[in-house]
């Protein structure tokens, strides 16, 4: 249509197929423990403790910022999400370029961007279990040490939109945000190292069943990395209190 060869979008004449819902099987407690053991010693190990304990969406976890976490109170506010800016044509003539924006030689854009959470209900405050608070404290210390080590190479944070912050909890070694693809690759590598099945959406589903207790039972190991602990027979006291939605 952009080239003027069609006057009507023929795709609108076809009924889209109804997607089949896929039942998600949460991780077992043993699988969660193995993941935590495999995460021990990795950079950003707290990323996976947080995922298994709280079930944050990927974009919410990558956009989590220190100003939105109160470690003394043991709470974190979910106020923003990480999105990817899509490429757009930079040639000024998209109708005659003949290429998709990502292939345009003069393409512009791309990169991380802070956005609102998916819905009003997604804007919430989550109570953190004590072991996760300890893991985040250790992670904060390790991150500050990394920043001092690289000095001026550390990523310069751009000005954030009102109510948002680029002071991110999870970063690359030079301070830049962790991208969705890199985060996904790290998750796949962790699954492989732990010998755990490739469970789709397992990070979000795990906290709804027994594996959450394993994640919340992770204490602080060497260098601030989490380690799995033995749980008592009754582990309900480790479950975080129900999150409240911000008004």
Protein backbone atom coordinates (compact mmCIF):
# COMPACT_ATOMS: atom_id res chain seq x y z
CA UNK A 1 0.00 0.00 0.00
CA UNK A 2 2.90 2.36 0.73
CA UNK A 3 4.12 1.90 -2.85
CA UNK A 4 0.66 2.55 -4.29
CA UNK A 5 0.27 -0.93 -5.77
CA UNK A 6 -2.76 -1.73 -3.60
CA UNK A 7 -5.70 0.50 -2.81
CA UNK A 8 -7.11 -1.68 -0.06
CA UNK A 9 -5.64 -3.73 2.74
CA UNK A 10 -6.69 -7.28 1.83
CA UNK A 11 -5.77 -8.50 5.31
CA UNK A 12 -8.93 -6.87 6.61
CA UNK A 13 -11.00 -9.32 4.50
CA UNK A 14 -9.75 -12.33 6.47
CA UNK A 15 -10.96 -13.43 9.88
CA UNK A 16 -7.98 -13.82 12.17
CA UNK A 17 -7.62 -17.26 13.75
CA UNK A 18 -8.52 -17.60 17.39
CA UNK A 19 -5.35 -18.15 19.42
CA UNK A 20 -5.25 -21.25 21.55
CA UNK A 21 -4.65 -20.69 25.21
CA UNK A 22 -1.61 -22.51 26.53
CA UNK A 23 -1.70 -23.83 30.04
CA UNK A 24 1.38 -22.78 31.96
CA UNK A 25 2.90 -25.27 34.36
CA UNK A 26 4.68 -23.44 37.22
CA UNK A 27 8.12 -24.48 38.31
CA UNK A 28 8.34 -27.00 41.10
CA UNK A 29 10.07 -26.19 44.40
CA UNK A 30 13.01 -28.40 43.41
CA UNK A 31 13.37 -26.60 40.07
CA UNK A 32 13.33 -23.22 41.81
CA UNK A 33 16.04 -24.37 44.22
CA UNK A 34 18.21 -25.56 41.33
CA UNK A 35 17.78 -22.23 39.57
CA UNK A 36 18.85 -20.33 42.68
CA UNK A 37 21.89 -22.55 43.08
CA UNK A 38 22.84 -21.97 39.42
CA UNK A 39 22.34 -18.21 39.86
CA UNK A 40 24.77 -18.09 42.77
CA UNK A 41 27.94 -16.32 41.69
CA UNK A 42 26.40 -14.62 38.64
CA UNK A 43 26.14 -10.90 38.05
CA UNK A 44 22.66 -9.60 38.79
CA UNK A 45 21.83 -12.84 40.59
CA UNK A 46 19.23 -10.92 42.58
CA UNK A 47 17.36 -10.50 39.29
CA UNK A 48 16.33 -14.16 39.41
CA UNK A 49 15.62 -14.20 43.14
CA UNK A 50 13.28 -11.27 42.56
CA UNK A 51 11.64 -12.96 39.58
CA UNK A 52 10.96 -16.21 41.40
CA UNK A 53 9.74 -14.47 44.56
CA UNK A 54 7.52 -11.76 43.08
CA UNK A 55 6.67 -12.74 39.50
CA UNK A 56 7.27 -9.28 38.05
CA UNK A 57 6.86 -8.90 34.31
CA UNK A 58 10.13 -8.67 32.43
CA UNK A 59 9.66 -5.01 31.61
CA UNK A 60 8.79 -4.20 35.23
CA UNK A 61 11.88 -5.98 36.56
CA UNK A 62 14.23 -4.33 34.05
CA UNK A 63 12.77 -0.89 34.87
CA UNK A 64 12.88 -1.38 38.64
CA UNK A 65 14.62 1.67 40.15
CA UNK A 66 16.26 2.20 43.52
CA UNK A 67 14.18 5.30 44.40
CA UNK A 68 11.10 3.06 44.18
CA UNK A 69 12.45 0.55 46.72
CA UNK A 70 12.39 1.06 50.47
CA UNK A 71 14.68 -1.62 51.89
CA UNK A 72 14.10 -0.46 55.46
CA UNK A 73 10.33 -0.88 55.08
CA UNK A 74 10.74 -3.95 52.88
CA UNK A 75 8.58 -2.66 50.02
CA UNK A 76 8.95 -1.79 46.36
CA UNK A 77 6.66 0.32 44.21
CA UNK A 78 5.99 -0.80 40.65
CA UNK A 79 5.64 2.49 38.79
CA UNK A 80 7.33 1.99 35.43
CA UNK A 81 8.17 -0.56 32.79
CA UNK A 82 10.95 -0.92 30.23
CA UNK A 83 9.98 -0.84 26.57
CA UNK A 84 11.97 -0.84 23.34
CA UNK A 85 11.79 2.10 20.96
CA UNK A 86 11.23 0.83 17.45
CA UNK A 87 13.26 1.99 14.49
CA UNK A 88 11.68 4.59 12.20
CA UNK A 89 12.72 5.79 8.77
CA UNK A 90 15.36 8.51 8.84
CA UNK A 91 15.46 8.99 5.08
CA UNK A 92 12.37 11.21 5.00
CA UNK A 93 10.80 9.15 2.22
CA UNK A 94 9.40 5.92 3.69
CA UNK A 95 7.03 5.44 0.75
CA UNK A 96 9.92 5.20 -1.73
CA UNK A 97 12.64 3.75 0.51
CA UNK A 98 11.46 0.24 -0.29
CA UNK A 99 12.68 -1.14 3.02
CA UNK A 100 11.29 -1.75 6.46
CA UNK A 101 12.33 0.84 9.07
CA UNK A 102 14.81 -1.60 10.65
CA UNK A 103 16.58 -1.99 7.28
CA UNK A 104 16.55 1.69 6.30
CA UNK A 105 20.19 2.85 5.97
CA UNK A 106 19.32 6.08 7.78
CA UNK A 107 17.10 4.52 10.43
CA UNK A 108 16.76 6.33 13.73
CA UNK A 109 15.50 5.38 17.14
CA UNK A 110 15.80 2.08 18.99
CA UNK A 111 16.91 1.58 22.54
CA UNK A 112 15.31 1.32 25.98
CA UNK A 113 12.57 3.65 27.11
CA UNK A 114 10.68 4.05 30.36
CA UNK A 115 6.93 3.70 30.08
CA UNK A 116 3.91 3.27 32.32
CA UNK A 117 2.93 -0.19 33.53
CA UNK A 118 0.38 -2.08 31.45
CA UNK A 119 -2.66 -1.07 33.49
CA UNK A 120 -3.78 0.96 36.49
CA UNK A 121 -3.89 -2.25 38.49
CA UNK A 122 -0.26 -2.83 37.55
CA UNK A 123 0.77 0.24 39.55
CA UNK A 124 1.21 -1.33 42.95
CA UNK A 125 3.32 -1.67 46.06
CA UNK A 126 4.77 -5.11 46.82
CA UNK A 127 5.93 -6.27 50.24
CA UNK A 128 9.31 -8.01 50.07
CA UNK A 129 10.27 -11.01 52.22
CA UNK A 130 13.27 -10.40 54.47
CA UNK A 131 15.69 -12.71 52.57
CA UNK A 132 14.97 -10.84 49.34
CA UNK A 133 15.62 -7.52 51.09
CA UNK A 134 19.02 -8.88 52.16
CA UNK A 135 19.79 -10.00 48.62
CA UNK A 136 18.90 -6.56 47.25
CA UNK A 137 21.08 -4.83 49.84
CA UNK A 138 24.04 -6.98 48.81
CA UNK A 139 23.26 -6.32 45.14
CA UNK A 140 23.19 -2.58 45.79
CA UNK A 141 26.64 -2.72 47.39
CA UNK A 142 28.05 -4.75 44.49
CA UNK A 143 26.59 -2.29 41.99
CA UNK A 144 28.16 0.71 43.73
CA UNK A 145 31.52 -1.09 43.70
CA UNK A 146 31.18 -1.69 39.95
CA UNK A 147 30.40 1.98 39.38
CA UNK A 148 33.49 3.08 41.29
CA UNK A 149 35.63 0.59 39.38
CA UNK A 150 34.68 1.85 35.89
CA UNK A 151 34.66 5.54 36.83
CA UNK A 152 33.79 7.88 33.95
CA UNK A 153 32.86 4.97 31.68
CA UNK A 154 29.66 4.51 33.70
CA UNK A 155 26.56 5.24 31.64
CA UNK A 156 25.24 8.78 31.95
CA UNK A 157 21.59 8.57 32.89
CA UNK A 158 19.28 10.66 30.68
CA UNK A 159 16.57 12.82 32.14
CA UNK A 160 13.66 10.61 33.08
CA UNK A 161 10.00 11.51 32.56
CA UNK A 162 8.16 12.85 35.59
CA UNK A 163 7.60 10.20 38.23
CA UNK A 164 10.12 7.81 36.67
CA UNK A 165 13.82 7.10 37.27
CA UNK A 166 16.82 5.74 35.35
CA UNK A 167 18.56 4.79 38.62
CA UNK A 168 18.02 1.14 37.72
CA UNK A 169 18.48 -1.85 39.98
CA UNK A 170 19.71 -4.15 37.21
CA UNK A 171 22.35 -2.87 34.80
CA UNK A 172 25.11 -3.93 32.47
CA UNK A 173 28.71 -3.67 33.77
CA UNK A 174 29.01 -0.14 32.37
CA UNK A 175 25.73 1.00 33.88
CA UNK A 176 23.59 0.79 30.77
CA UNK A 177 20.11 -0.78 31.06
CA UNK A 178 19.79 -4.51 30.49
CA UNK A 179 17.88 -5.08 27.25
CA UNK A 180 15.02 -7.52 26.84
CA UNK A 181 17.01 -9.82 24.53
CA UNK A 182 20.02 -9.93 26.85
CA UNK A 183 17.78 -10.60 29.84
CA UNK A 184 16.01 -13.38 27.94
CA UNK A 185 19.34 -14.92 26.89
CA UNK A 186 20.56 -14.82 30.50
CA UNK A 187 17.37 -16.59 31.62
CA UNK A 188 17.80 -19.31 28.99
CA UNK A 189 21.43 -19.80 30.01
CA UNK A 190 20.39 -20.06 33.65
CA UNK A 191 17.79 -22.71 32.81
CA UNK A 192 20.41 -24.70 30.91
CA UNK A 193 22.98 -24.47 33.70
CA UNK A 194 20.40 -25.55 36.27
CA UNK A 195 19.14 -28.40 34.11
CA UNK A 196 15.60 -27.05 34.33
CA UNK A 197 13.02 -27.44 31.58
CA UNK A 198 12.45 -24.50 29.28
CA UNK A 199 9.22 -23.36 30.89
CA UNK A 200 7.48 -20.53 29.11
CA UNK A 201 6.67 -17.61 31.44
CA UNK A 202 8.11 -19.64 34.31
CA UNK A 203 9.54 -16.50 35.92
CA UNK A 204 6.08 -15.01 36.39
CA UNK A 205 4.23 -18.21 37.25
CA UNK A 206 6.69 -19.60 39.77
CA UNK A 207 5.77 -17.20 42.57
CA UNK A 208 2.17 -18.45 42.56
CA UNK A 209 3.07 -21.84 43.93
CA UNK A 210 5.67 -23.61 46.01
CA UNK A 211 8.79 -22.32 44.18
CA UNK A 212 8.15 -18.88 45.63
CA UNK A 213 9.07 -20.17 49.02
CA UNK A 214 12.36 -21.46 47.69
CA UNK A 215 13.16 -18.07 46.20
CA UNK A 216 12.13 -16.26 49.34
CA UNK A 217 14.27 -18.65 51.36
CA UNK A 218 17.37 -17.54 49.48
CA UNK A 219 19.84 -15.86 51.76
CA UNK A 220 22.96 -13.88 51.08
CA UNK A 221 26.00 -15.87 50.01
CA UNK A 222 29.50 -14.77 49.12
CA UNK A 223 29.85 -11.51 47.17
CA UNK A 224 26.18 -10.71 47.74
CA UNK A 225 24.91 -13.58 45.61
CA UNK A 226 21.89 -15.58 46.79
CA UNK A 227 22.07 -19.10 48.08
CA UNK A 228 19.23 -21.54 48.59
CA UNK A 229 18.38 -22.44 52.16
CA UNK A 230 16.56 -25.40 53.63
CA UNK A 231 12.96 -24.54 54.35
CA UNK A 232 10.92 -25.60 57.35
CA UNK A 233 7.99 -27.92 56.77
CA UNK A 234 5.56 -25.02 57.00
CA UNK A 235 6.84 -22.24 54.75
CA UNK A 236 3.72 -20.08 54.55
CA UNK A 237 5.37 -17.44 56.74
CA UNK A 238 7.81 -16.81 53.89
CA UNK A 239 5.09 -15.75 51.48
CA UNK A 240 4.91 -12.00 50.84
CA UNK A 241 1.77 -10.21 51.86
CA UNK A 242 -0.69 -9.44 49.09
CA UNK A 243 0.38 -6.46 47.04
CA UNK A 244 -1.77 -3.38 47.22
CA UNK A 245 -2.69 -1.25 44.24
CA UNK A 246 -1.64 2.38 44.39
CA UNK A 247 -4.48 4.84 44.20
